[in-house]
Amino acid sequence: DAVDIAYTVQGANPIFKGRFADNLQVAFGSAADVVHVRVEHPADRTLRAKGIRADVAVESEALPDGRRALRILRRDVSMVRSEEQVPPWFKVWPSVHLSEYTSWDDVARWAEELFTHGEPLGAELEARLADWRARKLPSEQLIAEVVAMVQDEVRYFSASLGESSHRPKPAARTYAERLGDCKDKVALLNALLRRL
């Protein structure tokens, strides 16, 4: 069978402030005669491409309307067999990563502002901080207690929609709700340790 798929995606998560980054598969769970990826973009926005578990040849062309297009064409693409219990961080599917970011430093500068909250911690957390300070624990023991509190008292829960896909909640809210995802719990832990 021949299957042609074409689609257009409009809209973007505002957390990225208009910058583009995406990962597009170039191999699948079945063989493909042709895999064709084409991304059109404004000429003044440079896209970088990197193959992940795949050697990809990226062609760039100028379009008549002043835009540019990146094109990847792969032929006779073998199927990829997925294994059970593969760690979630391991990229099974060959893909190409496209990004406007110039370096990891560029990404770090974008992300740093997401974790800078200056909001008050609230009365309950201030009381916890005062108690920890009064006990004058050695640093290692103090850190261990704060980590244990965040792990034990804040249940893991993720609703990563819109900006909450990357921006953590304020630490006081995470503690008041007693739930948060990885970044929420890290922001709470960082806020407490900074204050101590």
Protein backbone atom coordinates (compact mmCIF):
# COMPACT_ATOMS: atom_id res chain seq x y z
CA ASP A 1 0.00 0.00 0.00
CA ALA A 2 1.06 3.58 -0.56
CA VAL A 3 0.16 6.04 2.16
CA ASP A 4 0.61 9.79 1.64
CA ILE A 5 0.39 11.96 4.72
CA ALA A 6 0.35 15.75 4.67
CA TYR A 7 -0.54 18.10 7.49
CA THR A 8 -0.06 21.65 8.70
CA VAL A 9 0.46 22.60 12.31
CA GLN A 10 -0.37 26.14 13.38
CA GLY A 11 0.15 27.60 16.80
CA ALA A 12 2.94 27.31 19.30
CA ASN A 13 3.52 27.10 23.01
CA PRO A 14 4.10 30.69 24.23
CA ILE A 15 6.81 29.49 26.60
CA PHE A 16 9.25 29.35 23.66
CA LYS A 17 8.73 33.05 22.82
CA GLY A 18 8.39 32.33 19.13
CA ARG A 19 11.56 30.25 18.76
CA PHE A 20 11.32 26.97 16.92
CA ALA A 21 12.68 23.55 17.87
CA ASP A 22 11.26 20.15 16.95
CA ASN A 23 12.23 16.53 16.53
CA LEU A 24 10.88 14.76 13.42
CA GLN A 25 11.02 11.00 12.90
CA VAL A 26 12.74 9.74 9.76
CA ALA A 27 12.17 5.99 10.33
CA PHE A 28 9.25 4.04 11.74
CA GLY A 29 7.96 0.66 12.91
CA SER A 30 7.55 -0.41 9.28
CA ALA A 31 9.73 -0.05 6.20
CA ALA A 32 9.24 2.93 3.91
CA ASP A 33 10.22 3.37 0.28
CA VAL A 34 10.52 7.14 0.72
CA VAL A 35 10.60 9.41 3.75
CA HIS A 36 10.43 13.09 2.80
CA VAL A 37 10.62 15.85 5.39
CA ARG A 38 10.30 19.47 4.30
CA VAL A 39 10.24 22.48 6.63
CA GLU A 40 9.68 25.97 5.24
CA HIS A 41 10.81 28.94 7.31
CA PRO A 42 11.51 32.67 7.04
CA ALA A 43 14.93 33.30 5.52
CA ASP A 44 16.02 35.45 8.48
CA ARG A 45 15.48 32.56 10.94
CA THR A 46 18.34 30.07 10.71
CA LEU A 47 17.46 26.45 11.42
CA ARG A 48 20.10 23.94 12.44
CA ALA A 49 19.61 20.23 11.83
CA LYS A 50 21.13 17.24 13.58
CA GLY A 51 20.43 13.57 12.95
CA ILE A 52 19.64 11.45 15.98
CA ARG A 53 20.36 7.74 15.41
CA ALA A 54 20.36 8.57 11.69
CA ASP A 55 22.68 10.08 9.14
CA VAL A 56 20.62 12.75 7.44
CA ALA A 57 21.54 14.87 4.47
CA VAL A 58 19.80 18.22 4.78
CA GLU A 59 19.31 20.33 1.69
CA SER A 60 18.44 24.00 1.99
CA GLU A 61 16.88 25.97 -0.83
CA ALA A 62 15.68 29.51 -1.38
CA LEU A 63 12.00 29.79 -2.28
CA PRO A 64 10.52 32.33 -4.70
CA ASP A 65 8.61 34.05 -1.88
CA GLY A 66 11.83 34.90 -0.01
CA ARG A 67 11.50 32.04 2.45
CA ARG A 68 13.77 29.00 2.72
CA ALA A 69 13.04 25.29 2.86
CA LEU A 70 14.97 22.50 4.55
CA ARG A 71 14.50 19.14 2.89
CA ILE A 72 15.45 15.63 3.94
CA LEU A 73 14.87 12.75 1.54
CA ARG A 74 15.55 9.14 2.56
CA ARG A 75 14.91 6.12 0.34
CA ASP A 76 14.55 2.43 1.18
CA VAL A 77 14.25 3.11 4.90
CA SER A 78 14.32 -0.08 6.95
CA MET A 79 11.83 -0.66 9.73
CA VAL A 80 12.94 -0.05 13.30
CA ARG A 81 12.14 -2.73 15.82
CA SER A 82 11.35 -1.34 19.22
CA GLU A 83 12.27 -3.34 22.28
CA GLU A 84 10.33 -3.66 25.51
CA GLN A 85 11.38 -1.74 28.61
CA VAL A 86 13.60 0.75 26.79
CA PRO A 87 14.42 3.67 29.10
CA PRO A 88 12.32 6.74 28.24
CA TRP A 89 15.41 8.90 27.67
CA PHE A 90 16.76 6.57 24.96
CA LYS A 91 15.80 7.68 21.45
CA VAL A 92 14.63 4.54 19.64
CA TRP A 93 13.34 6.19 16.49
CA PRO A 94 15.82 7.73 14.06
CA SER A 95 14.96 11.39 13.75
CA VAL A 96 16.22 14.83 12.88
CA HIS A 97 16.32 17.60 15.45
CA LEU A 98 15.64 21.07 14.03
CA SER A 99 16.30 24.15 16.13
CA GLU A 100 16.72 27.91 16.01
CA TYR A 101 18.83 27.76 19.17
CA THR A 102 22.52 28.29 18.40
CA SER A 103 23.98 26.32 21.33
CA TRP A 104 23.20 24.73 24.68
CA ASP A 105 24.20 28.05 26.28
CA ASP A 106 21.41 29.66 24.27
CA VAL A 107 18.93 27.08 25.59
CA ALA A 108 20.22 27.55 29.16
CA ARG A 109 19.71 31.33 28.98
CA TRP A 110 16.11 30.76 27.83
CA ALA A 111 15.43 28.23 30.61
CA GLU A 112 17.14 30.12 33.43
CA GLU A 113 14.41 32.75 33.67
CA LEU A 114 11.77 30.01 34.04
CA PHE A 115 13.23 29.01 37.41
CA THR A 116 13.69 32.47 38.94
CA HIS A 117 10.75 33.10 41.23
CA GLY A 118 10.84 35.83 43.80
CA GLU A 119 7.40 35.17 45.28
CA PRO A 120 7.05 34.83 49.07
CA LEU A 121 7.05 31.27 50.35
CA GLY A 122 4.08 31.70 52.68
CA ALA A 123 3.68 31.33 56.41
CA GLU A 124 3.81 27.53 56.55
CA LEU A 125 7.10 27.26 54.65
CA GLU A 126 8.59 30.21 56.54
CA ALA A 127 7.82 28.33 59.79
CA ARG A 128 9.56 25.21 58.39
CA LEU A 129 12.59 27.30 57.44
CA ALA A 130 12.72 28.87 60.92
CA ASP A 131 12.56 25.40 62.50
CA TRP A 132 15.40 24.10 60.33
CA ARG A 133 17.53 27.16 61.09
CA ALA A 134 16.90 26.85 64.84
CA ARG A 135 18.06 23.22 64.87
CA LYS A 136 21.51 24.21 63.49
CA LEU A 137 21.96 20.91 61.66
CA PRO A 138 25.17 20.08 59.78
CA SER A 139 24.83 20.99 56.08
CA GLU A 140 24.55 17.42 54.81
CA GLN A 141 21.83 16.53 57.33
CA LEU A 142 19.93 19.77 56.65
CA ILE A 143 19.98 19.16 52.89
CA ALA A 144 18.90 15.55 53.40
CA GLU A 145 15.91 16.67 55.50
CA VAL A 146 14.81 19.28 52.96
CA VAL A 147 15.11 16.77 50.10
CA ALA A 148 13.14 14.18 52.11
CA MET A 149 10.41 16.74 52.84
CA VAL A 150 10.00 17.59 49.14
CA GLN A 151 10.05 13.91 48.16
CA ASP A 152 7.71 12.70 50.89
CA GLU A 153 5.24 15.56 51.31
CA VAL A 154 4.75 16.67 47.70
CA ARG A 155 3.04 14.08 45.53
CA TYR A 156 4.13 13.80 41.89
CA PHE A 157 1.44 15.07 39.52
CA SER A 158 1.94 16.46 36.02
CA ALA A 159 -0.47 18.53 33.94
CA SER A 160 1.99 19.87 31.38
CA LEU A 161 -0.20 22.07 29.23
CA GLY A 162 0.83 25.34 27.62
CA GLU A 163 3.48 27.19 29.61
CA SER A 164 3.38 24.61 32.40
CA SER A 165 5.14 22.25 30.00
CA HIS A 166 8.37 24.01 31.03
CA ARG A 167 7.62 26.72 33.62
CA PRO A 168 7.39 25.46 37.21
CA LYS A 169 4.72 26.69 39.58
CA PRO A 170 5.77 29.07 42.34
CA ALA A 171 7.26 27.12 45.25
CA ALA A 172 4.58 28.27 47.72
CA ARG A 173 1.80 27.00 45.47
CA THR A 174 3.49 23.61 44.96
CA TYR A 175 3.81 23.19 48.72
CA ALA A 176 0.28 24.44 49.47
CA GLU A 177 -1.21 22.01 46.92
CA ARG A 178 1.18 19.24 48.01
CA LEU A 179 1.59 18.19 44.39
CA GLY A 180 3.76 19.02 41.42
CA ASP A 181 5.81 17.53 38.64
CA CYS A 182 9.62 17.27 38.39
CA LYS A 183 10.25 20.94 37.67
CA ASP A 184 7.76 22.08 40.35
CA LYS A 185 9.49 19.97 42.97
CA VAL A 186 12.93 21.17 41.84
CA ALA A 187 11.80 24.81 42.04
CA LEU A 188 10.48 24.19 45.59
CA LEU A 189 13.70 22.46 46.63
CA ASN A 190 15.84 25.24 45.12
CA ALA A 191 13.79 27.96 46.84
CA LEU A 192 14.15 26.28 50.23
CA LEU A 193 17.86 25.57 49.89
CA ARG A 194 18.59 29.11 48.67
CA ARG A 195 16.82 30.54 51.72
CA LEU A 196 18.69 28.21 54.07
